Amino acid sequence: MISVEILVHFKCMSCAAWWSIADYHVVESKNTSTYLCPHCGYSHSQALMWRIINQQLEKILMITKQNVP
């Protein structure tokens, strides 16, 4: 059996520090409207986070499909 975890890395729009969220935490946080930067506390919109995640997943799927015989 194979298990896949996606680790999403973000750069804070306020302090420019990097931080990460595992896919499990993103899915489990359905009721959260924002994510706080752990470095400076800046509030990032969940909608923006999902747009970024979806864009990256689309790129991954495209590359994967190109490499499957």
N, C-alpha and C. Protein backbone atom coordinates (compact mmCIF):
# COMPACT_ATOMS: atom_id res chain seq x y z
N MET A 1 0.83 -1.18 0.00
CA MET A 1 0.00 0.00 0.00
C MET A 1 0.88 1.24 0.00
N ILE A 2 0.42 2.26 -0.69
CA ILE A 2 1.16 3.52 -0.78
C ILE A 2 0.37 4.62 -0.10
N SER A 3 1.06 5.43 0.63
CA SER A 3 0.45 6.59 1.27
C SER A 3 1.18 7.83 0.79
N VAL A 4 0.43 8.86 0.46
CA VAL A 4 1.03 10.09 -0.04
C VAL A 4 0.64 11.24 0.88
N GLU A 5 1.62 12.02 1.25
CA GLU A 5 1.36 13.23 2.04
C GLU A 5 1.92 14.41 1.27
N ILE A 6 1.14 15.46 1.22
CA ILE A 6 1.59 16.67 0.55
C ILE A 6 1.94 17.68 1.63
N LEU A 7 3.13 18.22 1.54
CA LEU A 7 3.59 19.24 2.47
C LEU A 7 3.65 20.55 1.69
N VAL A 8 2.88 21.52 2.13
CA VAL A 8 2.78 22.79 1.42
C VAL A 8 3.63 23.83 2.14
N HIS A 9 4.53 24.48 1.40
CA HIS A 9 5.41 25.50 1.96
C HIS A 9 4.92 26.88 1.51
N PHE A 10 4.82 27.79 2.46
CA PHE A 10 4.35 29.14 2.17
C PHE A 10 5.40 30.16 2.56
N LYS A 11 5.39 31.28 1.87
CA LYS A 11 6.22 32.42 2.25
C LYS A 11 5.26 33.50 2.73
N CYS A 12 5.43 33.92 3.96
CA CYS A 12 4.54 34.91 4.56
C CYS A 12 4.57 36.21 3.76
N MET A 13 3.40 36.77 3.50
CA MET A 13 3.31 38.02 2.75
C MET A 13 3.72 39.23 3.59
N SER A 14 3.85 39.04 4.88
CA SER A 14 4.23 40.14 5.75
C SER A 14 5.72 40.12 6.11
N CYS A 15 6.18 39.01 6.69
CA CYS A 15 7.57 38.95 7.17
C CYS A 15 8.51 38.20 6.23
N ALA A 16 7.96 37.57 5.19
CA ALA A 16 8.72 36.83 4.18
C ALA A 16 9.39 35.56 4.72
N ALA A 17 9.01 35.12 5.92
CA ALA A 17 9.55 33.86 6.46
C ALA A 17 8.77 32.69 5.85
N TRP A 18 9.45 31.53 5.75
CA TRP A 18 8.82 30.32 5.21
C TRP A 18 8.19 29.52 6.33
N TRP A 19 7.06 28.88 6.01
CA TRP A 19 6.41 27.97 6.95
C TRP A 19 5.67 26.92 6.15
N SER A 20 5.29 25.84 6.79
CA SER A 20 4.71 24.69 6.09
C SER A 20 3.43 24.21 6.77
N ILE A 21 2.56 23.61 5.95
CA ILE A 21 1.34 22.96 6.43
C ILE A 21 1.24 21.62 5.72
N ALA A 22 1.03 20.55 6.48
CA ALA A 22 0.79 19.24 5.88
C ALA A 22 -0.64 19.19 5.35
N ASP A 23 -0.86 18.40 4.30
CA ASP A 23 -2.19 18.33 3.69
C ASP A 23 -3.26 17.94 4.70
N TYR A 24 -2.92 17.10 5.65
CA TYR A 24 -3.89 16.68 6.67
C TYR A 24 -4.44 17.89 7.42
N HIS A 25 -3.57 18.81 7.78
CA HIS A 25 -4.01 20.00 8.52
C HIS A 25 -4.86 20.93 7.66
N VAL A 26 -4.56 20.99 6.39
CA VAL A 26 -5.35 21.83 5.49
C VAL A 26 -6.76 21.27 5.36
N VAL A 27 -6.87 19.96 5.16
CA VAL A 27 -8.18 19.33 5.00
C VAL A 27 -8.98 19.40 6.30
N GLU A 28 -8.32 19.20 7.43
CA GLU A 28 -9.01 19.20 8.72
C GLU A 28 -9.44 20.59 9.17
N SER A 29 -8.92 21.63 8.55
CA SER A 29 -9.22 22.99 9.00
C SER A 29 -10.34 23.63 8.18
N LYS A 30 -11.36 22.87 7.84
CA LYS A 30 -12.47 23.35 7.02
C LYS A 30 -13.15 24.58 7.62
N ASN A 31 -13.19 24.67 8.93
CA ASN A 31 -13.88 25.78 9.58
C ASN A 31 -12.98 26.99 9.83
N THR A 32 -11.73 26.89 9.41
CA THR A 32 -10.80 27.99 9.59
C THR A 32 -10.84 28.90 8.37
N SER A 33 -11.00 30.19 8.58
CA SER A 33 -11.04 31.11 7.45
C SER A 33 -9.68 31.72 7.18
N THR A 34 -8.76 31.59 8.15
CA THR A 34 -7.42 32.14 7.97
C THR A 34 -6.37 31.21 8.57
N TYR A 35 -5.14 31.39 8.10
CA TYR A 35 -3.98 30.72 8.68
C TYR A 35 -3.05 31.82 9.19
N LEU A 36 -2.51 31.62 10.37
CA LEU A 36 -1.61 32.62 10.94
C LEU A 36 -0.17 32.20 10.73
N CYS A 37 0.65 33.15 10.29
CA CYS A 37 2.09 32.89 10.16
C CYS A 37 2.63 32.60 11.55
N PRO A 38 3.35 31.49 11.72
CA PRO A 38 3.89 31.16 13.05
C PRO A 38 5.02 32.08 13.48
N HIS A 39 5.56 32.86 12.53
CA HIS A 39 6.68 33.75 12.85
C HIS A 39 6.21 35.13 13.30
N CYS A 40 5.25 35.72 12.57
CA CYS A 40 4.84 37.09 12.89
C CYS A 40 3.36 37.23 13.22
N GLY A 41 2.56 36.17 12.99
CA GLY A 41 1.14 36.22 13.30
C GLY A 41 0.27 36.82 12.22
N TYR A 42 0.86 37.15 11.06
CA TYR A 42 0.07 37.72 9.97
C TYR A 42 -1.01 36.73 9.52
N SER A 43 -2.20 37.23 9.26
CA SER A 43 -3.33 36.38 8.89
C SER A 43 -3.42 36.23 7.37
N HIS A 44 -3.37 34.98 6.90
CA HIS A 44 -3.48 34.67 5.47
C HIS A 44 -4.84 34.04 5.22
N SER A 45 -5.52 34.47 4.18
CA SER A 45 -6.85 33.95 3.87
C SER A 45 -6.78 32.49 3.42
N GLN A 46 -7.72 31.68 3.91
CA GLN A 46 -7.77 30.28 3.51
C GLN A 46 -8.05 30.15 2.01
N ALA A 47 -8.88 31.05 1.46
CA ALA A 47 -9.19 31.00 0.03
C ALA A 47 -7.92 31.18 -0.80
N LEU A 48 -7.06 32.09 -0.38
CA LEU A 48 -5.79 32.30 -1.09
C LEU A 48 -4.92 31.06 -0.99
N MET A 49 -4.86 30.46 0.19
CA MET A 49 -4.07 29.25 0.39
C MET A 49 -4.54 28.14 -0.54
N TRP A 50 -5.87 27.94 -0.63
CA TRP A 50 -6.41 26.89 -1.50
C TRP A 50 -6.10 27.16 -2.96
N ARG A 51 -6.15 28.42 -3.39
CA ARG A 51 -5.80 28.74 -4.78
C ARG A 51 -4.35 28.35 -5.07
N ILE A 52 -3.46 28.68 -4.15
CA ILE A 52 -2.05 28.35 -4.33
C ILE A 52 -1.85 26.83 -4.36
N ILE A 53 -2.48 26.13 -3.43
CA ILE A 53 -2.37 24.67 -3.37
C ILE A 53 -2.90 24.04 -4.65
N ASN A 54 -4.06 24.50 -5.12
CA ASN A 54 -4.65 23.94 -6.34
C ASN A 54 -3.76 24.17 -7.56
N GLN A 55 -3.16 25.35 -7.66
CA GLN A 55 -2.26 25.63 -8.78
C GLN A 55 -1.08 24.65 -8.78
N GLN A 56 -0.51 24.42 -7.61
CA GLN A 56 0.65 23.53 -7.53
C GLN A 56 0.25 22.08 -7.79
N LEU A 57 -0.91 21.67 -7.30
CA LEU A 57 -1.36 20.30 -7.55
C LEU A 57 -1.63 20.07 -9.03
N GLU A 58 -2.17 21.06 -9.71
CA GLU A 58 -2.39 20.93 -11.15
C GLU A 58 -1.08 20.73 -11.90
N LYS A 59 -0.03 21.43 -11.49
CA LYS A 59 1.29 21.25 -12.10
C LYS A 59 1.81 19.83 -11.86
N ILE A 60 1.66 19.35 -10.63
CA ILE A 60 2.12 18.01 -10.29
C ILE A 60 1.39 16.96 -11.11
N LEU A 61 0.07 17.09 -11.22
CA LEU A 61 -0.73 16.14 -12.01
C LEU A 61 -0.32 16.15 -13.47
N MET A 62 -0.07 17.32 -14.03
CA MET A 62 0.34 17.41 -15.42
C MET A 62 1.68 16.69 -15.65
N ILE A 63 2.63 16.90 -14.77
CA ILE A 63 3.93 16.24 -14.88
C ILE A 63 3.77 14.73 -14.72
N THR A 64 2.95 14.31 -13.76
CA THR A 64 2.73 12.89 -13.53
C THR A 64 2.11 12.21 -14.75
N LYS A 65 1.11 12.86 -15.33
CA LYS A 65 0.45 12.29 -16.51
C LYS A 65 1.40 12.16 -17.69
N GLN A 66 2.34 13.10 -17.81
CA GLN A 66 3.31 13.04 -18.91
C GLN A 66 4.29 11.87 -18.74
N ASN A 67 4.51 11.46 -17.51
CA ASN A 67 5.49 10.40 -17.25
C ASN A 67 4.88 9.01 -17.07
N VAL A 68 3.57 8.89 -17.19
CA VAL A 68 2.92 7.59 -17.10
C VAL A 68 2.76 7.02 -18.50
N PRO A 69 3.29 5.80 -18.73
CA PRO A 69 3.19 5.22 -20.08
C PRO A 69 1.77 4.87 -20.47
